[in-house]
C-alpha atoms as a PDB file:
ATOM      1  CA  UNK A   1     -14.892   7.531  -4.551  1.00  0.00           C
ATOM      2  CA  UNK A   2     -14.492   3.867  -3.615  1.00  0.00           C
ATOM      3  CA  UNK A   3     -16.391   2.208  -0.792  1.00  0.00           C
ATOM      4  CA  UNK A   4     -13.512   1.827   1.597  1.00  0.00           C
ATOM      5  CA  UNK A   5     -12.299  -1.289  -0.186  1.00  0.00           C
ATOM      6  CA  UNK A   6      -9.788  -3.235   1.915  1.00  0.00           C
ATOM      7  CA  UNK A   7      -6.835  -4.875   0.235  1.00  0.00           C
ATOM      8  CA  UNK A   8      -5.415  -7.874   2.134  1.00  0.00           C
ATOM      9  CA  UNK A   9      -2.187  -9.724   1.630  1.00  0.00           C
ATOM     10  CA  UNK A  10      -2.090 -13.480   0.996  1.00  0.00           C
ATOM     11  CA  UNK A  11      -3.957 -14.192  -2.209  1.00  0.00           C
ATOM     12  CA  UNK A  12      -2.103 -17.140  -3.723  1.00  0.00           C
ATOM     13  CA  UNK A  13      -3.594 -16.328  -7.203  1.00  0.00           C
ATOM     14  CA  UNK A  14      -2.206 -12.795  -7.260  1.00  0.00           C
ATOM     15  CA  UNK A  15       0.312 -12.145 -10.028  1.00  0.00           C
ATOM     16  CA  UNK A  16       3.486 -10.285  -9.102  1.00  0.00           C
ATOM     17  CA  UNK A  17       5.314  -7.953 -11.402  1.00  0.00           C
ATOM     18  CA  UNK A  18       9.054  -8.414 -12.182  1.00  0.00           C
ATOM     19  CA  UNK A  19       9.930  -5.652  -9.751  1.00  0.00           C
ATOM     20  CA  UNK A  20       7.844  -7.126  -6.986  1.00  0.00           C
ATOM     21  CA  UNK A  21       9.359 -10.589  -7.725  1.00  0.00           C
ATOM     22  CA  UNK A  22      12.834  -9.067  -7.106  1.00  0.00           C
ATOM     23  CA  UNK A  23      11.670  -7.461  -3.815  1.00  0.00           C
ATOM     24  CA  UNK A  24      10.232 -10.774  -2.550  1.00  0.00           C
ATOM     25  CA  UNK A  25      13.353 -12.760  -3.444  1.00  0.00           C
ATOM     26  CA  UNK A  26      15.592 -10.232  -1.787  1.00  0.00           C
ATOM     27  CA  UNK A  27      13.530 -10.261   1.371  1.00  0.00           C
ATOM     28  CA  UNK A  28      13.457 -14.047   1.306  1.00  0.00           C
ATOM     29  CA  UNK A  29      17.250 -14.180   1.192  1.00  0.00           C
ATOM     30  CA  UNK A  30      17.328 -11.966   4.265  1.00  0.00           C
ATOM     31  CA  UNK A  31      14.969 -14.327   6.082  1.00  0.00           C
ATOM     32  CA  UNK A  32      17.046 -17.328   4.952  1.00  0.00           C
ATOM     33  CA  UNK A  33      19.922 -15.911   6.979  1.00  0.00           C
ATOM     34  CA  UNK A  34      17.767 -16.479  10.074  1.00  0.00           C
ATOM     35  CA  UNK A  35      16.587 -20.089   9.640  1.00  0.00           C
ATOM     36  CA  UNK A  36      15.122 -20.070  13.105  1.00  0.00           C
ATOM     37  CA  UNK A  37      12.042 -18.299  11.776  1.00  0.00           C
ATOM     38  CA  UNK A  38      13.282 -15.005  12.966  1.00  0.00           C
ATOM     39  CA  UNK A  39       9.822 -11.217 -15.861  1.00  0.00           C
ATOM     40  CA  UNK A  40       7.028 -11.705 -17.692  1.00  0.00           C
ATOM     41  CA  UNK A  41       4.477  -9.207 -18.928  1.00  0.00           C
ATOM     42  CA  UNK A  42       1.688 -10.856 -16.960  1.00  0.00           C
ATOM     43  CA  UNK A  43       3.766 -11.354 -13.849  1.00  0.00           C
ATOM     44  CA  UNK A  44       4.172 -14.390 -11.641  1.00  0.00           C
ATOM     45  CA  UNK A  45       1.968 -16.048  -9.065  1.00  0.00           C
ATOM     46  CA  UNK A  46       3.278 -16.630  -5.532  1.00  0.00           C
ATOM     47  CA  UNK A  47       3.414 -20.337  -6.301  1.00  0.00           C
ATOM     48  CA  UNK A  48       5.633 -19.756  -9.368  1.00  0.00           C
ATOM     49  CA  UNK A  49       7.935 -17.493  -7.389  1.00  0.00           C
ATOM     50  CA  UNK A  50       8.206 -20.201  -4.689  1.00  0.00           C
ATOM     51  CA  UNK A  51       9.062 -22.793  -7.309  1.00  0.00           C
ATOM     52  CA  UNK A  52      11.869 -20.599  -8.676  1.00  0.00           C
ATOM     53  CA  UNK A  53      13.095 -19.909  -5.116  1.00  0.00           C
ATOM     54  CA  UNK A  54      13.173 -23.586  -4.361  1.00  0.00           C
ATOM     55  CA  UNK A  55      15.463 -24.167  -7.378  1.00  0.00           C
ATOM     56  CA  UNK A  56      18.005 -21.694  -6.014  1.00  0.00           C
ATOM     57  CA  UNK A  57      17.895 -23.094  -2.549  1.00  0.00           C
ATOM     58  CA  UNK A  58      15.436 -20.750  -0.814  1.00  0.00           C
ATOM     59  CA  UNK A  59      12.777 -21.987   1.567  1.00  0.00           C
ATOM     60  CA  UNK A  60       9.365 -21.442  -0.122  1.00  0.00           C
ATOM     61  CA  UNK A  61       7.830 -20.622   3.268  1.00  0.00           C
ATOM     62  CA  UNK A  62      10.209 -17.737   3.622  1.00  0.00           C
ATOM     63  CA  UNK A  63       9.190 -16.461   0.195  1.00  0.00           C
ATOM     64  CA  UNK A  64       5.555 -16.382   1.344  1.00  0.00           C
ATOM     65  CA  UNK A  65       6.612 -14.407   4.481  1.00  0.00           C
ATOM     66  CA  UNK A  66       8.645 -12.017   2.298  1.00  0.00           C
ATOM     67  CA  UNK A  67       5.617 -11.380   0.121  1.00  0.00           C
ATOM     68  CA  UNK A  68       3.839  -9.869   3.108  1.00  0.00           C
ATOM     69  CA  UNK A  69       5.761  -6.642   2.609  1.00  0.00           C
ATOM     70  CA  UNK A  70       3.912  -5.957  -0.659  1.00  0.00           C
ATOM     71  CA  UNK A  71       0.379  -4.453  -0.756  1.00  0.00           C
ATOM     72  CA  UNK A  72      -1.772  -6.200  -3.347  1.00  0.00           C
ATOM     73  CA  UNK A  73      -3.322  -4.434  -6.303  1.00  0.00           C
ATOM     74  CA  UNK A  74      -6.979  -3.576  -5.913  1.00  0.00           C
ATOM     75  CA  UNK A  75      -9.139  -6.293  -7.527  1.00  0.00           C
ATOM     76  CA  UNK A  76     -12.560  -4.907  -6.758  1.00  0.00           C
ATOM     77  CA  UNK A  77     -14.688  -3.282  -9.451  1.00  0.00           C
ATOM     78  CA  UNK A  78     -14.504   0.176  -7.828  1.00  0.00           C
ATOM     79  CA  UNK A  79     -10.718   0.060  -7.592  1.00  0.00           C
ATOM     80  CA  UNK A  80     -10.436  -0.930 -11.264  1.00  0.00           C
ATOM     81  CA  UNK A  81     -12.808   1.834 -12.348  1.00  0.00           C
ATOM     82  CA  UNK A  82     -11.233   4.622 -10.270  1.00  0.00           C
ATOM     83  CA  UNK A  83      -7.596   3.583 -10.796  1.00  0.00           C
ATOM     84  CA  UNK A  84      -6.741   1.973  -7.501  1.00  0.00           C
ATOM     85  CA  UNK A  85      -8.023   1.152  -3.969  1.00  0.00           C
ATOM     86  CA  UNK A  86      -8.310   3.679  -1.144  1.00  0.00           C
ATOM     87  CA  UNK A  87      -7.552   1.241   1.687  1.00  0.00           C
ATOM     88  CA  UNK A  88      -4.813  -1.311   2.424  1.00  0.00           C
ATOM     89  CA  UNK A  89      -4.019  -3.851   5.122  1.00  0.00           C
ATOM     90  CA  UNK A  90      -0.681  -5.618   5.458  1.00  0.00           C
ATOM     91  CA  UNK A  91       0.168  -8.252   8.099  1.00  0.00           C
ATOM     92  CA  UNK A  92       3.297 -10.010   9.229  1.00  0.00           C
ATOM     93  CA  UNK A  93       3.930 -12.486  12.075  1.00  0.00           C
ATOM     94  CA  UNK A  94       7.207 -13.807  13.494  1.00  0.00           C
ATOM     95  CA  UNK A  95       8.135 -16.314  16.172  1.00  0.00           C
ATOM     96  CA  UNK A  96       9.183 -14.672  19.424  1.00  0.00           C
ATOM     97  CA  UNK A  97       8.132 -11.546  21.296  1.00  0.00           C
ATOM     98  CA  UNK A  98       9.966  -8.335  20.605  1.00  0.00           C
ATOM     99  CA  UNK A  99      11.257  -6.822  23.919  1.00  0.00           C
ATOM    100  CA  UNK A 100       9.565  -3.568  24.875  1.00  0.00           C
ATOM    101  CA  UNK A 101      12.963  -1.846  25.099  1.00  0.00           C
ATOM    102  CA  UNK A 102      13.263  -2.366  21.347  1.00  0.00           C
ATOM    103  CA  UNK A 103      10.088  -0.401  20.565  1.00  0.00           C
ATOM    104  CA  UNK A 104      12.128   2.730  20.062  1.00  0.00           C
ATOM    105  CA  UNK A 105      14.086   0.976  17.274  1.00  0.00           C
ATOM    106  CA  UNK A 106      10.845  -0.043  15.585  1.00  0.00           C
ATOM    107  CA  UNK A 107       9.548   3.503  15.737  1.00  0.00           C
ATOM    108  CA  UNK A 108      12.852   4.752  14.188  1.00  0.00           C
ATOM    109  CA  UNK A 109      12.403   2.187  11.364  1.00  0.00           C
ATOM    110  CA  UNK A 110       8.861   3.409  10.704  1.00  0.00           C
ATOM    111  CA  UNK A 111       9.904   7.053  10.725  1.00  0.00           C
ATOM    112  CA  UNK A 112      12.794   6.373   8.349  1.00  0.00           C
ATOM    113  CA  UNK A 113      10.567   4.514   5.900  1.00  0.00           C
ATOM    114  CA  UNK A 114       7.722   7.060   5.967  1.00  0.00           C
ATOM    115  CA  UNK A 115       9.770  10.251   6.335  1.00  0.00           C
ATOM    116  CA  UNK A 116       7.189  11.309   8.884  1.00  0.00           C
ATOM    117  CA  UNK A 117       7.473  11.813  12.636  1.00  0.00           C
ATOM    118  CA  UNK A 118       3.975  10.584  13.365  1.00  0.00           C
ATOM    119  CA  UNK A 119       2.710   9.694  16.869  1.00  0.00           C
ATOM    120  CA  UNK A 120       3.886   6.629  18.735  1.00  0.00           C
ATOM    121  CA  UNK A 121       2.221   5.238  21.900  1.00  0.00           C
ATOM    122  CA  UNK A 122       2.367   2.017  23.937  1.00  0.00           C
ATOM    123  CA  UNK A 123      -1.104   0.480  24.546  1.00  0.00           C
ATOM    124  CA  UNK A 124      -1.498  -2.610  26.681  1.00  0.00           C
ATOM    125  CA  UNK A 125       2.014  -3.805  25.821  1.00  0.00           C
ATOM    126  CA  UNK A 126       1.613  -3.133  22.113  1.00  0.00           C
ATOM    127  CA  UNK A 127       3.277  -0.431  20.020  1.00  0.00           C
ATOM    128  CA  UNK A 128       0.904   1.900  18.140  1.00  0.00           C
ATOM    129  CA  UNK A 129       2.069   4.457  15.531  1.00  0.00           C
ATOM    130  CA  UNK A 130      -0.060   6.665  13.317  1.00  0.00           C
ATOM    131  CA  UNK A 131       0.396   9.573  10.906  1.00  0.00           C
ATOM    132  CA  UNK A 132      -0.559  13.056  12.077  1.00  0.00           C
ATOM    133  CA  UNK A 133      -1.881  15.810   9.785  1.00  0.00           C
ATOM    134  CA  UNK A 134      -1.582  13.699   6.656  1.00  0.00           C
ATOM    135  CA  UNK A 135      -4.242  13.285   4.019  1.00  0.00           C
ATOM    136  CA  UNK A 136      -3.441   9.598   3.648  1.00  0.00           C
ATOM    137  CA  UNK A 137      -3.678   7.972   7.060  1.00  0.00           C
ATOM    138  CA  UNK A 138      -1.391   5.094   8.135  1.00  0.00           C
ATOM    139  CA  UNK A 139      -1.767   3.167  11.355  1.00  0.00           C
ATOM    140  CA  UNK A 140       0.871   0.602  12.507  1.00  0.00           C
ATOM    141  CA  UNK A 141       0.448  -1.891  15.310  1.00  0.00           C
ATOM    142  CA  UNK A 142       3.132  -4.179  16.721  1.00  0.00           C
ATOM    143  CA  UNK A 143       1.578  -6.566  19.237  1.00  0.00           C
ATOM    144  CA  UNK A 144       3.094  -9.459  21.246  1.00  0.00           C
ATOM    145  CA  UNK A 145       1.075 -12.463  22.288  1.00  0.00           C
ATOM    146  CA  UNK A 146       1.470 -16.160  22.744  1.00  0.00           C
ATOM    147  CA  UNK A 147       5.144 -16.185  21.932  1.00  0.00           C
ATOM    148  CA  UNK A 148       4.787 -14.308  18.651  1.00  0.00           C
ATOM    149  CA  UNK A 149       5.149 -10.735  17.328  1.00  0.00           C
ATOM    150  CA  UNK A 150       2.372  -9.503  15.006  1.00  0.00           C
ATOM    151  CA  UNK A 151       2.798  -6.483  12.696  1.00  0.00           C
ATOM    152  CA  UNK A 152      -0.230  -4.850  11.134  1.00  0.00           C
ATOM    153  CA  UNK A 153      -0.269  -1.856   8.815  1.00  0.00           C
ATOM    154  CA  UNK A 154      -3.567  -0.223   7.833  1.00  0.00           C
ATOM    155  CA  UNK A 155      -3.713   2.688   5.392  1.00  0.00           C
ATOM    156  CA  UNK A 156      -6.748   4.791   4.564  1.00  0.00           C
ATOM    157  CA  UNK A 157      -6.516   7.045   1.506  1.00  0.00           C
ATOM    158  CA  UNK A 158     -10.156   8.046   1.403  1.00  0.00           C
ATOM    159  CA  UNK A 159      -9.330  11.705   1.988  1.00  0.00           C
ATOM    160  CA  UNK A 160      -6.700  11.705  -0.785  1.00  0.00           C
ATOM    161  CA  UNK A 161      -9.194  10.073  -3.166  1.00  0.00           C
ATOM    162  CA  UNK A 162     -11.823  12.732  -2.454  1.00  0.00           C
ATOM    163  CA  UNK A 163      -9.333  15.592  -2.997  1.00  0.00           C
ATOM    164  CA  UNK A 164      -8.001  14.067  -6.226  1.00  0.00           C
ATOM    165  CA  UNK A 165     -11.425  13.743  -7.811  1.00  0.00           C
ATOM    166  CA  UNK A 166     -12.837  16.963  -6.321  1.00  0.00           C
ATOM    167  CA  UNK A 167      -9.960  19.146  -7.494  1.00  0.00           C
ATOM    168  CA  UNK A 168      -9.984  17.578 -10.987  1.00  0.00           C
ATOM    169  CA  UNK A 169     -13.756  18.000 -11.320  1.00  0.00           C
ATOM    170  CA  UNK A 170     -13.600  21.611 -10.100  1.00  0.00           C
ATOM    171  CA  UNK A 171     -10.880  22.492 -12.508  1.00  0.00           C
ATOM    172  CA  UNK A 172     -12.796  21.041 -15.448  1.00  0.00           C
ATOM    173  CA  UNK A 173     -15.981  22.770 -14.386  1.00  0.00           C
ATOM    174  CA  UNK A 174     -14.169  26.074 -14.350  1.00  0.00           C
ATOM    175  CA  UNK A 175     -12.786  25.284 -17.772  1.00  0.00           C
ATOM    176  CA  UNK A 176     -16.325  24.393 -18.981  1.00  0.00           C
ATOM    177  CA  UNK A 177     -17.623  27.757 -17.676  1.00  0.00           C
ATOM    178  CA  UNK A 178     -14.962  29.625 -19.602  1.00  0.00           C
ATOM    179  CA  UNK A 179     -15.595  27.590 -22.728  1.00  0.00           C
ATOM    180  CA  UNK A 180     -19.312  28.143 -22.407  1.00  0.00           C
ATOM    181  CA  UNK A 181     -18.830  31.912 -22.122  1.00  0.00           C
ATOM    182  CA  UNK A 182     -16.666  31.899 -25.262  1.00  0.00           C
ATOM    183  CA  UNK A 183     -18.653  29.475 -27.337  1.00  0.00           C
ATOM    184  CA  UNK A 184     -22.114  30.548 -26.059  1.00  0.00           C
ATOM    185  CA  UNK A 185     -23.953  27.311 -26.969  1.00  0.00           C
ATOM    186  CA  UNK A 186     -27.498  28.125 -27.913  1.00  0.00           C
ATOM    187  CA  UNK A 187     -29.011  24.625 -28.131  1.00  0.00           C
ATOM    188  CA  UNK A 188     -29.613  21.962 -25.451  1.00  0.00           C
ATOM    189  CA  UNK A 189     -27.539  19.313 -27.322  1.00  0.00           C
ATOM    190  CA  UNK A 190     -24.619  21.713 -27.454  1.00  0.00           C
ATOM    191  CA  UNK A 191     -24.838  22.389 -23.697  1.00  0.00           C
ATOM    192  CA  UNK A 192     -25.107  18.715 -22.905  1.00  0.00           C
ATOM    193  CA  UNK A 193     -22.126  17.976 -25.167  1.00  0.00           C
ATOM    194  CA  UNK A 194     -20.101  20.625 -23.370  1.00  0.00           C
ATOM    195  CA  UNK A 195     -21.073  19.239 -19.933  1.00  0.00           C
ATOM    196  CA  UNK A 196     -20.328  15.667 -20.988  1.00  0.00           C
ATOM    197  CA  UNK A 197     -16.880  16.702 -22.250  1.00  0.00           C
ATOM    198  CA  UNK A 198     -16.089  18.427 -18.965  1.00  0.00           C
ATOM    199  CA  UNK A 199     -17.299  15.415 -16.885  1.00  0.00           C
ATOM    200  CA  UNK A 200     -15.410  12.939 -19.004  1.00  0.00           C
ATOM    201  CA  UNK A 201     -12.258  15.029 -19.008  1.00  0.00           C
ATOM    202  CA  UNK A 202     -12.435  15.449 -15.237  1.00  0.00           C
ATOM    203  CA  UNK A 203     -12.764  11.714 -14.723  1.00  0.00           C
ATOM    204  CA  UNK A 204      -9.869  10.824 -17.026  1.00  0.00           C
ATOM    205  CA  UNK A 205      -7.636  13.445 -15.364  1.00  0.00           C
ATOM    206  CA  UNK A 206      -8.526  12.331 -11.860  1.00  0.00           C
ATOM    207  CA  UNK A 207      -8.134   8.671 -12.654  1.00  0.00           C
ATOM    208  CA  UNK A 208      -4.705   9.255 -14.177  1.00  0.00           C
ATOM    209  CA  UNK A 209      -3.596  11.282 -11.098  1.00  0.00           C
ATOM    210  CA  UNK A 210      -4.987   8.713  -8.728  1.00  0.00           C
ATOM    211  CA  UNK A 211      -3.376   5.770 -10.531  1.00  0.00           C
ATOM    212  CA  UNK A 212       0.015   7.561 -10.411  1.00  0.00           C
ATOM    213  CA  UNK A 213      -0.202   8.381  -6.743  1.00  0.00           C
ATOM    214  CA  UNK A 214      -1.504   4.883  -5.937  1.00  0.00           C
ATOM    215  CA  UNK A 215       1.604   3.348  -7.486  1.00  0.00           C
ATOM    216  CA  UNK A 216       3.832   5.652  -5.411  1.00  0.00           C
ATOM    217  CA  UNK A 217       1.862   4.949  -2.239  1.00  0.00           C
ATOM    218  CA  UNK A 218       2.145   1.179  -2.700  1.00  0.00           C
ATOM    219  CA  UNK A 219       5.901   1.572  -2.982  1.00  0.00           C
ATOM    220  CA  UNK A 220       5.991   3.587   0.215  1.00  0.00           C
ATOM    221  CA  UNK A 221       3.950   0.889   2.026  1.00  0.00           C
ATOM    222  CA  UNK A 222       6.321  -1.784   0.773  1.00  0.00           C
ATOM    223  CA  UNK A 223       9.305   0.231   2.075  1.00  0.00           C
ATOM    224  CA  UNK A 224       7.527   0.692   5.430  1.00  0.00           C
ATOM    225  CA  UNK A 225       6.630  -2.958   5.826  1.00  0.00           C
ATOM    226  CA  UNK A 226      10.073  -4.087   4.667  1.00  0.00           C
ATOM    227  CA  UNK A 227      11.922  -1.815   7.041  1.00  0.00           C
ATOM    228  CA  UNK A 228       9.647  -2.642   9.957  1.00  0.00           C
ATOM    229  CA  UNK A 229       9.830  -6.452   9.508  1.00  0.00           C
ATOM    230  CA  UNK A 230      13.599  -6.274   9.202  1.00  0.00           C
ATOM    231  CA  UNK A 231      13.701  -4.330  12.472  1.00  0.00           C
ATOM    232  CA  UNK A 232      11.508  -6.944  14.131  1.00  0.00           C
ATOM    233  CA  UNK A 233      13.605  -9.850  12.821  1.00  0.00           C
ATOM    234  CA  UNK A 234      16.805  -8.139  14.013  1.00  0.00           C
ATOM    235  CA  UNK A 235      15.302  -7.556  17.427  1.00  0.00           C
ATOM    236  CA  UNK A 236      14.192 -11.209  17.728  1.00  0.00           C
ATOM    237  CA  UNK A 237      17.609 -12.333  16.535  1.00  0.00           C
ATOM    238  CA  UNK A 238      19.329 -10.308  19.273  1.00  0.00           C
ATOM    239  CA  UNK A 239      16.947 -11.356  22.012  1.00  0.00           C
END
């Protein structure tokens, strides 16, 4: 499907929907409680959200940090054509190093957000968690270095993309075969028209399904990053 397009947080020109705007402000209010660092149709830019937050007494820097829980929409040509990207990357950084004894709490936060047990390991002082047996793969890393805690979430939906388009195409090809047997086209133009209809129908169906599941997956990633960063901030606040 797509060419493994990576979607990275932090584009100041990105426009946020009203729903995402609410999520960012809610997260920023949570961060405001730890000052130590621990709607329009077209949406709003991060700068516009920061300006609004400043008017209600929120630190614009905290708004930018809160925006890190939201995966950006795919802006590449392939993502626009096929209905969404097949790869995401989200990053978050906080002052202070999470104690190793709190890794279990972070794993619990990940599992609650994903609804998946997954596999957690400790590698060179960092926490690693990944999905197991899932079509869409998610890998989480929580590392500690130079007095900071870094959270990184990488998601690969290449397998899900392939299945979505393959199953849709297969279904339409079967339908084309049945239609061909019934209609028995006798001319080349008729056969070409039948094939073109099947291909076009398969693409539209697959794109619709992919766009729907992409929206749902983005929401899941936001929940994951939000829950994990809250757990990190709570750990740093207690340490």
